PDB file of all heavy atoms in Angstrom:
ATOM      1  N   ALA A   1      17.730 -14.235 -22.996  1.00  0.00           N
ATOM      2  CA  ALA A   1      18.544 -14.293 -24.206  1.00  0.00           C
ATOM      3  C   ALA A   1      17.746 -14.713 -25.423  1.00  0.00           C
ATOM      4  O   ALA A   1      18.123 -14.401 -26.558  1.00  0.00           O
ATOM      5  CB  ALA A   1      19.724 -15.238 -23.988  1.00  0.00           C
ATOM      6  N   SER A   2      16.628 -15.398 -25.209  1.00  0.00           N
ATOM      7  CA  SER A   2      15.784 -15.798 -26.335  1.00  0.00           C
ATOM      8  C   SER A   2      15.194 -14.588 -27.058  1.00  0.00           C
ATOM      9  O   SER A   2      14.820 -14.674 -28.222  1.00  0.00           O
ATOM     10  CB  SER A   2      14.660 -16.716 -25.851  1.00  0.00           C
ATOM     11  OG  SER A   2      13.888 -16.075 -24.846  1.00  0.00           O
ATOM     12  N   ALA A   3      15.124 -13.456 -26.384  1.00  0.00           N
ATOM     13  CA  ALA A   3      14.637 -12.211 -27.000  1.00  0.00           C
ATOM     14  C   ALA A   3      15.847 -11.425 -27.500  1.00  0.00           C
ATOM     15  O   ALA A   3      16.185 -10.359 -26.990  1.00  0.00           O
ATOM     16  CB  ALA A   3      13.827 -11.403 -25.997  1.00  0.00           C
ATOM     17  N   ALA A   4      16.493 -11.936 -28.531  1.00  0.00           N
ATOM     18  CA  ALA A   4      17.768 -11.390 -28.983  1.00  0.00           C
ATOM     19  C   ALA A   4      17.655  -9.981 -29.541  1.00  0.00           C
ATOM     20  O   ALA A   4      18.631  -9.228 -29.534  1.00  0.00           O
ATOM     21  CB  ALA A   4      18.375 -12.306 -30.046  1.00  0.00           C
ATOM     22  N   ALA A   5      16.467  -9.602 -30.002  1.00  0.00           N
ATOM     23  CA  ALA A   5      16.293  -8.280 -30.603  1.00  0.00           C
ATOM     24  C   ALA A   5      15.764  -7.253 -29.611  1.00  0.00           C
ATOM     25  O   ALA A   5      15.481  -6.115 -29.989  1.00  0.00           O
ATOM     26  CB  ALA A   5      15.345  -8.369 -31.794  1.00  0.00           C
ATOM     27  N   ALA A   6      15.653  -7.639 -28.340  1.00  0.00           N
ATOM     28  CA  ALA A   6      15.006  -6.777 -27.353  1.00  0.00           C
ATOM     29  C   ALA A   6      15.947  -5.727 -26.793  1.00  0.00           C
ATOM     30  O   ALA A   6      17.086  -6.026 -26.413  1.00  0.00           O
ATOM     31  CB  ALA A   6      14.452  -7.625 -26.221  1.00  0.00           C
ATOM     32  N   TYR A   7      15.444  -4.481 -26.698  1.00  0.00           N
ATOM     33  CA  TYR A   7      16.194  -3.448 -25.998  1.00  0.00           C
ATOM     34  C   TYR A   7      16.043  -3.707 -24.498  1.00  0.00           C
ATOM     35  O   TYR A   7      14.926  -3.865 -23.991  1.00  0.00           O
ATOM     36  CB  TYR A   7      15.664  -2.050 -26.357  1.00  0.00           C
ATOM     37  CG  TYR A   7      16.420  -0.965 -25.639  1.00  0.00           C
ATOM     38  CD1 TYR A   7      17.737  -0.675 -25.989  1.00  0.00           C
ATOM     39  CD2 TYR A   7      15.854  -0.267 -24.581  1.00  0.00           C
ATOM     40  CE1 TYR A   7      18.460   0.298 -25.308  1.00  0.00           C
ATOM     41  CE2 TYR A   7      16.569   0.713 -23.901  1.00  0.00           C
ATOM     42  CZ  TYR A   7      17.870   0.983 -24.266  1.00  0.00           C
ATOM     43  OH  TYR A   7      18.584   1.930 -23.580  1.00  0.00           O
ATOM     44  N   PRO A   8      17.145  -3.735 -23.728  1.00  0.00           N
ATOM     45  CA  PRO A   8      17.090  -4.264 -22.365  1.00  0.00           C
ATOM     46  C   PRO A   8      16.589  -3.318 -21.273  1.00  0.00           C
ATOM     47  O   PRO A   8      16.438  -3.741 -20.129  1.00  0.00           O
ATOM     48  CB  PRO A   8      18.533  -4.678 -22.094  1.00  0.00           C
ATOM     49  CG  PRO A   8      19.344  -3.736 -22.921  1.00  0.00           C
ATOM     50  CD  PRO A   8      18.540  -3.513 -24.172  1.00  0.00           C
ATOM     51  N   ILE A   9      16.351  -2.035 -21.593  1.00  0.00           N
ATOM     52  CA  ILE A   9      15.807  -1.133 -20.566  1.00  0.00           C
ATOM     53  C   ILE A   9      14.476  -0.571 -21.082  1.00  0.00           C
ATOM     54  O   ILE A   9      14.251   0.636 -21.134  1.00  0.00           O
ATOM     55  CB  ILE A   9      16.782  -0.001 -20.176  1.00  0.00           C
ATOM     56  CG1 ILE A   9      18.232  -0.479 -20.145  1.00  0.00           C
ATOM     57  CG2 ILE A   9      16.417   0.541 -18.788  1.00  0.00           C
ATOM     58  CD1 ILE A   9      19.237   0.604 -19.777  1.00  0.00           C
ATOM     59  N   SER A  10      13.605  -1.467 -21.480  1.00  0.00           N
ATOM     60  CA  SER A  10      12.262  -1.091 -21.905  1.00  0.00           C
ATOM     61  C   SER A  10      11.347  -1.055 -20.685  1.00  0.00           C
ATOM     62  O   SER A  10      11.615  -1.706 -19.669  1.00  0.00           O
ATOM     63  CB  SER A  10      11.733  -2.086 -22.939  1.00  0.00           C
ATOM     64  OG  SER A  10      12.544  -2.096 -24.101  1.00  0.00           O
ATOM     65  N   THR A  11      10.267  -0.298 -20.793  1.00  0.00           N
ATOM     66  CA  THR A  11       9.399  -0.143 -19.628  1.00  0.00           C
ATOM     67  C   THR A  11       7.972   0.203 -20.023  1.00  0.00           C
ATOM     68  O   THR A  11       7.752   0.926 -20.994  1.00  0.00           O
ATOM     69  CB  THR A  11       9.951   0.952 -18.685  1.00  0.00           C
ATOM     70  OG1 THR A  11       9.115   1.065 -17.535  1.00  0.00           O
ATOM     71  CG2 THR A  11      10.017   2.302 -19.369  1.00  0.00           C
ATOM     72  N   PHE A  12       7.019  -0.325 -19.291  1.00  0.00           N
ATOM     73  CA  PHE A  12       5.655   0.164 -19.376  1.00  0.00           C
ATOM     74  C   PHE A  12       5.541   1.408 -18.505  1.00  0.00           C
ATOM     75  O   PHE A  12       6.299   1.608 -17.554  1.00  0.00           O
ATOM     76  CB  PHE A  12       4.656  -0.878 -18.857  1.00  0.00           C
ATOM     77  CG  PHE A  12       4.373  -1.975 -19.847  1.00  0.00           C
ATOM     78  CD1 PHE A  12       4.892  -3.246 -19.660  1.00  0.00           C
ATOM     79  CD2 PHE A  12       3.582  -1.738 -20.961  1.00  0.00           C
ATOM     80  CE1 PHE A  12       4.628  -4.264 -20.557  1.00  0.00           C
ATOM     81  CE2 PHE A  12       3.319  -2.756 -21.871  1.00  0.00           C
ATOM     82  CZ  PHE A  12       3.842  -4.015 -21.678  1.00  0.00           C
ATOM     83  N   THR A  13       4.591   2.251 -18.833  1.00  0.00           N
ATOM     84  CA  THR A  13       4.214   3.354 -17.949  1.00  0.00           C
ATOM     85  C   THR A  13       2.732   3.216 -17.669  1.00  0.00           C
ATOM     86  O   THR A  13       1.978   2.723 -18.510  1.00  0.00           O
ATOM     87  CB  THR A  13       4.588   4.723 -18.555  1.00  0.00           C
ATOM     88  OG1 THR A  13       4.301   5.757 -17.621  1.00  0.00           O
ATOM     89  CG2 THR A  13       3.891   4.981 -19.851  1.00  0.00           C
ATOM     90  N   TYR A  14       2.307   3.612 -16.480  1.00  0.00           N
ATOM     91  CA  TYR A  14       0.984   3.269 -15.968  1.00  0.00           C
ATOM     92  C   TYR A  14       0.147   4.494 -15.651  1.00  0.00           C
ATOM     93  O   TYR A  14       0.657   5.499 -15.139  1.00  0.00           O
ATOM     94  CB  TYR A  14       1.117   2.447 -14.670  1.00  0.00           C
ATOM     95  CG  TYR A  14       1.927   1.187 -14.795  1.00  0.00           C
ATOM     96  CD1 TYR A  14       3.323   1.226 -14.678  1.00  0.00           C
ATOM     97  CD2 TYR A  14       1.323  -0.032 -15.038  1.00  0.00           C
ATOM     98  CE1 TYR A  14       4.075   0.074 -14.799  1.00  0.00           C
ATOM     99  CE2 TYR A  14       2.074  -1.192 -15.158  1.00  0.00           C
ATOM    100  CZ  TYR A  14       3.448  -1.130 -15.043  1.00  0.00           C
ATOM    101  OH  TYR A  14       4.203  -2.277 -15.165  1.00  0.00           O
ATOM    102  N   ALA A  15      -1.137   4.383 -15.928  1.00  0.00           N
ATOM    103  CA  ALA A  15      -2.116   5.316 -15.370  1.00  0.00           C
ATOM    104  C   ALA A  15      -2.544   4.771 -14.017  1.00  0.00           C
ATOM    105  O   ALA A  15      -2.820   3.573 -13.866  1.00  0.00           O
ATOM    106  CB  ALA A  15      -3.327   5.430 -16.288  1.00  0.00           C
ATOM    107  N   LEU A  16      -2.577   5.639 -13.013  1.00  0.00           N
ATOM    108  CA  LEU A  16      -2.951   5.254 -11.658  1.00  0.00           C
ATOM    109  C   LEU A  16      -4.275   5.941 -11.327  1.00  0.00           C
ATOM    110  O   LEU A  16      -4.361   7.171 -11.359  1.00  0.00           O
ATOM    111  CB  LEU A  16      -1.875   5.685 -10.667  1.00  0.00           C
ATOM    112  CG  LEU A  16      -0.427   5.320 -11.038  1.00  0.00           C
ATOM    113  CD1 LEU A  16       0.545   5.924 -10.029  1.00  0.00           C
ATOM    114  CD2 LEU A  16      -0.258   3.807 -11.124  1.00  0.00           C
ATOM    115  N   VAL A  17      -5.281   5.159 -11.036  1.00  0.00           N
ATOM    116  CA  VAL A  17      -6.621   5.729 -10.839  1.00  0.00           C
ATOM    117  C   VAL A  17      -7.300   5.095  -9.635  1.00  0.00           C
ATOM    118  O   VAL A  17      -7.069   3.921  -9.320  1.00  0.00           O
ATOM    119  CB  VAL A  17      -7.502   5.531 -12.084  1.00  0.00           C
ATOM    120  CG1 VAL A  17      -6.943   6.307 -13.270  1.00  0.00           C
ATOM    121  CG2 VAL A  17      -7.634   4.057 -12.445  1.00  0.00           C
ATOM    122  N   PRO A  18      -8.164   5.844  -8.949  1.00  0.00           N
ATOM    123  CA  PRO A  18      -8.924   5.247  -7.845  1.00  0.00           C
ATOM    124  C   PRO A  18     -10.048   4.372  -8.384  1.00  0.00           C
ATOM    125  O   PRO A  18     -10.720   4.728  -9.361  1.00  0.00           O
ATOM    126  CB  PRO A  18      -9.486   6.465  -7.098  1.00  0.00           C
ATOM    127  CG  PRO A  18      -9.554   7.538  -8.127  1.00  0.00           C
ATOM    128  CD  PRO A  18      -8.437   7.277  -9.096  1.00  0.00           C
ATOM    129  N   LYS A  19     -10.224   3.229  -7.770  1.00  0.00           N
ATOM    130  CA  LYS A  19     -11.331   2.358  -8.168  1.00  0.00           C
ATOM    131  C   LYS A  19     -12.663   3.039  -7.914  1.00  0.00           C
ATOM    132  O   LYS A  19     -13.618   2.886  -8.687  1.00  0.00           O
ATOM    133  CB  LYS A  19     -11.249   1.042  -7.385  1.00  0.00           C
ATOM    134  CG  LYS A  19     -12.294   0.011  -7.769  1.00  0.00           C
ATOM    135  CD  LYS A  19     -12.062  -1.287  -7.014  1.00  0.00           C
ATOM    136  CE  LYS A  19     -13.104  -2.338  -7.407  1.00  0.00           C
ATOM    137  NZ  LYS A  19     -12.876  -3.614  -6.681  1.00  0.00           N
ATOM    138  N   ASP A  20     -12.741   3.815  -6.850  1.00  0.00           N
ATOM    139  CA  ASP A  20     -13.951   4.529  -6.459  1.00  0.00           C
ATOM    140  C   ASP A  20     -13.752   6.000  -6.807  1.00  0.00           C
ATOM    141  O   ASP A  20     -13.093   6.733  -6.079  1.00  0.00           O
ATOM    142  CB  ASP A  20     -14.176   4.334  -4.953  1.00  0.00           C
ATOM    143  CG  ASP A  20     -15.471   4.958  -4.472  1.00  0.00           C
ATOM    144  OD1 ASP A  20     -16.318   5.288  -5.309  1.00  0.00           O
ATOM    145  OD2 ASP A  20     -15.624   5.118  -3.250  1.00  0.00           O
ATOM    146  N   ALA A  21     -14.280   6.438  -7.956  1.00  0.00           N
ATOM    147  CA  ALA A  21     -13.991   7.777  -8.465  1.00  0.00           C
ATOM    148  C   ALA A  21     -15.268   8.518  -8.830  1.00  0.00           C
ATOM    149  O   ALA A  21     -16.184   7.944  -9.419  1.00  0.00           O
ATOM    150  CB  ALA A  21     -13.095   7.675  -9.701  1.00  0.00           C
ATOM    151  N   SER A  22     -15.331   9.789  -8.500  1.00  0.00           N
ATOM    152  CA  SER A  22     -16.521  10.576  -8.819  1.00  0.00           C
ATOM    153  C   SER A  22     -16.636  10.854 -10.317  1.00  0.00           C
ATOM    154  O   SER A  22     -17.727  11.115 -10.820  1.00  0.00           O
ATOM    155  CB  SER A  22     -16.507  11.900  -8.042  1.00  0.00           C
ATOM    156  OG  SER A  22     -15.398  12.691  -8.429  1.00  0.00           O
ATOM    157  N   LYS A  23     -15.496  10.799 -11.026  1.00  0.00           N
ATOM    158  CA  LYS A  23     -15.513  10.978 -12.484  1.00  0.00           C
ATOM    159  C   LYS A  23     -15.273   9.650 -13.188  1.00  0.00           C
ATOM    160  O   LYS A  23     -14.540   9.559 -14.168  1.00  0.00           O
ATOM    161  CB  LYS A  23     -14.454  11.998 -12.902  1.00  0.00           C
ATOM    162  CG  LYS A  23     -14.663  13.396 -12.336  1.00  0.00           C
ATOM    163  CD  LYS A  23     -13.568  14.339 -12.813  1.00  0.00           C
ATOM    164  CE  LYS A  23     -13.692  15.711 -12.181  1.00  0.00           C
ATOM    165  NZ  LYS A  23     -12.583  16.613 -12.599  1.00  0.00           N
ATOM    166  N   ALA A  24     -15.925   8.616 -12.693  1.00  0.00           N
ATOM    167  CA  ALA A  24     -15.642   7.257 -13.160  1.00  0.00           C
ATOM    168  C   ALA A  24     -15.827   7.107 -14.667  1.00  0.00           C
ATOM    169  O   ALA A  24     -14.957   6.567 -15.361  1.00  0.00           O
ATOM    170  CB  ALA A  24     -16.522   6.259 -12.414  1.00  0.00           C
ATOM    171  N   LYS A  25     -16.948   7.542 -15.195  1.00  0.00           N
ATOM    172  CA  LYS A  25     -17.195   7.370 -16.634  1.00  0.00           C
ATOM    173  C   LYS A  25     -16.205   8.169 -17.464  1.00  0.00           C
ATOM    174  O   LYS A  25     -15.680   7.676 -18.487  1.00  0.00           O
ATOM    175  CB  LYS A  25     -18.620   7.774 -17.000  1.00  0.00           C
ATOM    176  CG  LYS A  25     -18.953   7.513 -18.480  1.00  0.00           C
ATOM    177  CD  LYS A  25     -20.364   7.883 -18.834  1.00  0.00           C
ATOM    178  CE  LYS A  25     -20.674   7.454 -20.271  1.00  0.00           C
ATOM    179  NZ  LYS A  25     -19.725   7.993 -21.271  1.00  0.00           N
ATOM    180  N   THR A  26     -15.924   9.408 -17.055  1.00  0.00           N
ATOM    181  CA  THR A  26     -14.956  10.235 -17.781  1.00  0.00           C
ATOM    182  C   THR A  26     -13.581   9.579 -17.783  1.00  0.00           C
ATOM    183  O   THR A  26     -12.887   9.554 -18.809  1.00  0.00           O
ATOM    184  CB  THR A  26     -14.878  11.634 -17.157  1.00  0.00           C
ATOM    185  OG1 THR A  26     -16.195  12.164 -17.036  1.00  0.00           O
ATOM    186  CG2 THR A  26     -14.053  12.570 -18.014  1.00  0.00           C
ATOM    187  N   LEU A  27     -13.193   9.036 -16.640  1.00  0.00           N
ATOM    188  CA  LEU A  27     -11.924   8.323 -16.554  1.00  0.00           C
ATOM    189  C   LEU A  27     -11.920   7.079 -17.426  1.00  0.00           C
ATOM    190  O   LEU A  27     -10.965   6.826 -18.166  1.00  0.00           O
ATOM    191  CB  LEU A  27     -11.636   7.934 -15.103  1.00  0.00           C
ATOM    192  CG  LEU A  27     -10.931   8.962 -14.212  1.00  0.00           C
ATOM    193  CD1 LEU A  27     -10.907   8.473 -12.773  1.00  0.00           C
ATOM    194  CD2 LEU A  27      -9.512   9.234 -14.707  1.00  0.00           C
ATOM    195  N   ARG A  28     -12.968   6.281 -17.335  1.00  0.00           N
ATOM    196  CA  ARG A  28     -13.030   5.048 -18.134  1.00  0.00           C
ATOM    197  C   ARG A  28     -12.924   5.367 -19.618  1.00  0.00           C
ATOM    198  O   ARG A  28     -12.202   4.708 -20.365  1.00  0.00           O
ATOM    199  CB  ARG A  28     -14.321   4.285 -17.851  1.00  0.00           C
ATOM    200  CG  ARG A  28     -14.400   3.615 -16.491  1.00  0.00           C
ATOM    201  CD  ARG A  28     -15.491   2.544 -16.462  1.00  0.00           C
ATOM    202  NE  ARG A  28     -16.788   3.082 -16.866  1.00  0.00           N
ATOM    203  CZ  ARG A  28     -17.697   3.597 -16.046  1.00  0.00           C
ATOM    204  NH1 ARG A  28     -17.430   3.656 -14.742  1.00  0.00           N
ATOM    205  NH2 ARG A  28     -18.854   4.044 -16.492  1.00  0.00           N
ATOM    206  N   ASP A  29     -13.644   6.375 -20.055  1.00  0.00           N
ATOM    207  CA  ASP A  29     -13.630   6.718 -21.477  1.00  0.00           C
ATOM    208  C   ASP A  29     -12.248   7.180 -21.930  1.00  0.00           C
ATOM    209  O   ASP A  29     -11.766   6.786 -23.003  1.00  0.00           O
ATOM    210  CB  ASP A  29     -14.662   7.817 -21.766  1.00  0.00           C
ATOM    211  CG  ASP A  29     -16.093   7.329 -21.657  1.00  0.00           C
ATOM    212  OD1 ASP A  29     -16.307   6.103 -21.595  1.00  0.00           O
ATOM    213  OD2 ASP A  29     -17.010   8.178 -21.626  1.00  0.00           O
ATOM    214  N   PHE A  30     -11.596   8.021 -21.109  1.00  0.00           N
ATOM    215  CA  PHE A  30     -10.275   8.508 -21.499  1.00  0.00           C
ATOM    216  C   PHE A  30      -9.239   7.387 -21.502  1.00  0.00           C
ATOM    217  O   PHE A  30      -8.426   7.269 -22.426  1.00  0.00           O
ATOM    218  CB  PHE A  30      -9.823   9.636 -20.572  1.00  0.00           C
ATOM    219  CG  PHE A  30      -8.412  10.094 -20.839  1.00  0.00           C
ATOM    220  CD1 PHE A  30      -8.043  10.569 -22.086  1.00  0.00           C
ATOM    221  CD2 PHE A  30      -7.442  10.031 -19.846  1.00  0.00           C
ATOM    222  CE1 PHE A  30      -6.739  10.976 -22.348  1.00  0.00           C
ATOM    223  CE2 PHE A  30      -6.141  10.441 -20.100  1.00  0.00           C
ATOM    224  CZ  PHE A  30      -5.787  10.914 -21.355  1.00  0.00           C
ATOM    225  N   LEU A  31      -9.257   6.538 -20.486  1.00  0.00           N
ATOM    226  CA  LEU A  31      -8.305   5.432 -20.426  1.00  0.00           C
ATOM    227  C   LEU A  31      -8.516   4.462 -21.585  1.00  0.00           C
ATOM    228  O   LEU A  31      -7.552   3.943 -22.162  1.00  0.00           O
ATOM    229  CB  LEU A  31      -8.431   4.697 -19.089  1.00  0.00           C
ATOM    230  CG  LEU A  31      -8.011   5.482 -17.843  1.00  0.00           C
ATOM    231  CD1 LEU A  31      -8.331   4.680 -16.586  1.00  0.00           C
ATOM    232  CD2 LEU A  31      -6.537   5.836 -17.888  1.00  0.00           C
ATOM    233  N   THR A  32      -9.772   4.211 -21.932  1.00  0.00           N
ATOM    234  CA  THR A  32     -10.073   3.331 -23.060  1.00  0.00           C
ATOM    235  C   THR A  32      -9.540   3.929 -24.358  1.00  0.00           C
ATOM    236  O   THR A  32      -9.010   3.216 -25.223  1.00  0.00           O
ATOM    237  CB  THR A  32     -11.586   3.096 -23.159  1.00  0.00           C
ATOM    238  OG1 THR A  32     -12.043   2.481 -21.939  1.00  0.00           O
ATOM    239  CG2 THR A  32     -11.930   2.188 -24.329  1.00  0.00           C
ATOM    240  N   TYR A  33      -9.673   5.245 -24.504  1.00  0.00           N
ATOM    241  CA  TYR A  33      -9.093   5.939 -25.658  1.00  0.00           C
ATOM    242  C   TYR A  33      -7.567   5.796 -25.664  1.00  0.00           C
ATOM    243  O   TYR A  33      -6.951   5.505 -26.704  1.00  0.00           O
ATOM    244  CB  TYR A  33      -9.482   7.421 -25.618  1.00  0.00           C
ATOM    245  CG  TYR A  33      -8.599   8.304 -26.458  1.00  0.00           C
ATOM    246  CD1 TYR A  33      -8.858   8.497 -27.810  1.00  0.00           C
ATOM    247  CD2 TYR A  33      -7.492   8.954 -25.882  1.00  0.00           C
ATOM    248  CE1 TYR A  33      -8.027   9.304 -28.579  1.00  0.00           C
ATOM    249  CE2 TYR A  33      -6.669   9.759 -26.653  1.00  0.00           C
ATOM    250  CZ  TYR A  33      -6.928   9.931 -28.000  1.00  0.00           C
ATOM    251  OH  TYR A  33      -6.113  10.720 -28.760  1.00  0.00           O
ATOM    252  N   ALA A  34      -6.921   6.004 -24.508  1.00  0.00           N
ATOM    253  CA  ALA A  34      -5.461   5.994 -24.426  1.00  0.00           C
ATOM    254  C   ALA A  34      -4.873   4.652 -24.841  1.00  0.00           C
ATOM    255  O   ALA A  34      -3.867   4.611 -25.569  1.00  0.00           O
ATOM    256  CB  ALA A  34      -5.009   6.354 -23.010  1.00  0.00           C
TER     257      ALA A  34
END
């Protein structure tokens, strides 16, 4: 209730990536951009 101005069905959305990836640098760069 202290967040009186908050919309109550807000949500984050996630990128899901493998820690061990053959395109690791390409992924890191794109995620950093996003």
